Amino acid sequence: VGGRLATRRASVALPGHADPVEVGFDHGAPQIVARSPRLRAVLARAQAQGVVAPWAPRVHAPWPGPTHGPGHVALPGMPAFVRHLLGDTPVRTGAAVQRLQ
């Protein structure tokens, strides 16, 4: 349901582990950047509720892309922000949309 805010899960064999280890990684958007006052307010409320946290990139070289202001990540993964925004809204996946009213 998250689209670009999705988390991929996989089982991987790691040295020192007899059994495969379950890992998850966000493979879409690395962060959420709010440029509009409305989205900044949404992120502030989500941060107060523990849904998002400030993002601090951990790279071993200068960040290659442009910076667009402070970013946030959803906890425990990016789809958590989508679930937060949806609230109690029912979501049906695997269905083709014919029209919107």
Protein backbone atom coordinates (compact mmCIF):
# COMPACT_ATOMS: atom_id res chain seq x y z
CA VAL A 1 0.00 0.00 0.00
CA GLY A 2 2.98 2.31 0.52
CA GLY A 3 4.11 2.62 -3.10
CA ARG A 4 7.35 4.62 -2.97
CA LEU A 5 7.19 4.29 0.83
CA ALA A 6 7.56 0.51 0.78
CA THR A 7 9.67 -1.95 2.73
CA ARG A 8 11.04 -5.11 1.14
CA ARG A 9 11.54 -8.21 3.27
CA ALA A 10 13.90 -11.07 2.49
CA SER A 11 15.61 -14.07 4.05
CA VAL A 12 19.37 -13.94 3.69
CA ALA A 13 22.20 -16.24 4.68
CA LEU A 14 24.68 -14.41 6.89
CA PRO A 15 28.08 -15.63 8.02
CA GLY A 16 27.91 -16.94 11.55
CA HIS A 17 24.18 -17.75 11.37
CA ALA A 18 23.02 -21.32 10.85
CA ASP A 19 19.59 -20.30 9.61
CA PRO A 20 18.58 -17.55 7.18
CA VAL A 21 18.00 -14.17 8.81
CA GLU A 22 14.92 -12.09 8.03
CA VAL A 23 15.85 -8.56 6.98
CA GLY A 24 13.83 -5.58 5.84
CA PHE A 25 14.89 -2.48 3.95
CA ASP A 26 13.13 0.56 2.58
CA HIS A 27 13.75 0.47 -1.17
CA GLY A 28 11.72 3.43 -2.40
CA ALA A 29 12.00 6.94 -1.04
CA PRO A 30 14.87 7.21 1.48
CA GLN A 31 13.17 10.05 3.33
CA ILE A 32 10.10 12.27 3.50
CA VAL A 33 10.86 15.96 2.94
CA ALA A 34 8.13 18.49 3.65
CA ARG A 35 8.31 21.60 1.52
CA SER A 36 4.78 22.84 2.18
CA PRO A 37 3.56 24.16 5.53
CA ARG A 38 0.68 21.65 5.47
CA LEU A 39 2.97 18.62 5.09
CA ARG A 40 5.35 20.04 7.72
CA ALA A 41 2.40 20.19 10.12
CA VAL A 42 1.42 16.60 9.29
CA LEU A 43 5.00 15.43 9.87
CA ALA A 44 5.20 17.37 13.17
CA ARG A 45 2.05 15.61 14.43
CA ALA A 46 3.35 12.24 13.22
CA GLN A 47 6.68 12.86 14.95
CA ALA A 48 4.91 13.77 18.20
CA GLN A 49 3.09 10.41 17.96
CA GLY A 50 6.32 8.50 17.29
CA VAL A 51 5.38 7.60 13.70
CA VAL A 52 8.34 9.45 12.10
CA ALA A 53 11.76 10.59 13.25
CA PRO A 54 14.35 12.99 11.81
CA TRP A 55 16.50 11.30 9.15
CA ALA A 56 20.27 11.37 9.45
CA PRO A 57 21.90 9.72 6.43
CA ARG A 58 24.69 7.32 7.31
CA VAL A 59 27.01 7.26 4.35
CA HIS A 60 30.78 7.09 4.13
CA ALA A 61 31.06 9.86 1.56
CA PRO A 62 29.47 13.25 0.98
CA TRP A 63 25.76 12.88 0.19
CA PRO A 64 25.65 12.86 -3.63
CA GLY A 65 22.28 14.48 -4.18
CA PRO A 66 20.82 17.88 -3.48
CA THR A 67 19.55 18.59 -0.01
CA HIS A 68 15.97 19.72 0.31
CA GLY A 69 15.81 20.51 3.99
CA PRO A 70 15.38 18.19 6.94
CA GLY A 71 13.99 14.77 6.11
CA HIS A 72 12.09 12.22 8.15
CA VAL A 73 11.80 8.44 8.13
CA ALA A 74 8.81 6.44 9.31
CA LEU A 75 9.18 3.97 12.17
CA PRO A 76 9.65 1.04 12.06
CA GLY A 77 9.60 1.35 8.23
CA MET A 78 8.31 3.78 5.61
CA PRO A 79 4.87 2.10 5.22
CA ALA A 80 4.11 3.13 8.82
CA PHE A 81 3.59 6.74 7.66
CA VAL A 82 1.08 5.58 5.04
CA ARG A 83 -0.78 3.50 7.64
CA HIS A 84 -0.78 6.54 9.94
CA LEU A 85 -2.28 8.73 7.20
CA LEU A 86 -4.90 6.11 6.34
CA GLY A 87 -6.07 5.74 9.92
CA ASP A 88 -9.29 3.69 9.82
CA THR A 89 -9.84 4.19 6.08
CA PRO A 90 -10.53 0.79 4.53
CA VAL A 91 -8.08 -0.22 1.81
CA ARG A 92 -8.70 -2.93 -0.74
CA THR A 93 -5.67 -4.15 -2.68
CA GLY A 94 -5.53 -6.30 -5.77
CA ALA A 95 -8.53 -4.59 -7.38
CA ALA A 96 -8.57 -2.59 -10.61
CA VAL A 97 -9.95 0.95 -10.26
CA GLN A 98 -12.63 1.57 -12.88
CA ARG A 99 -13.50 5.15 -11.93
CA LEU A 100 -13.34 7.65 -9.08
CA GLN A 101 -16.38 9.56 -7.94
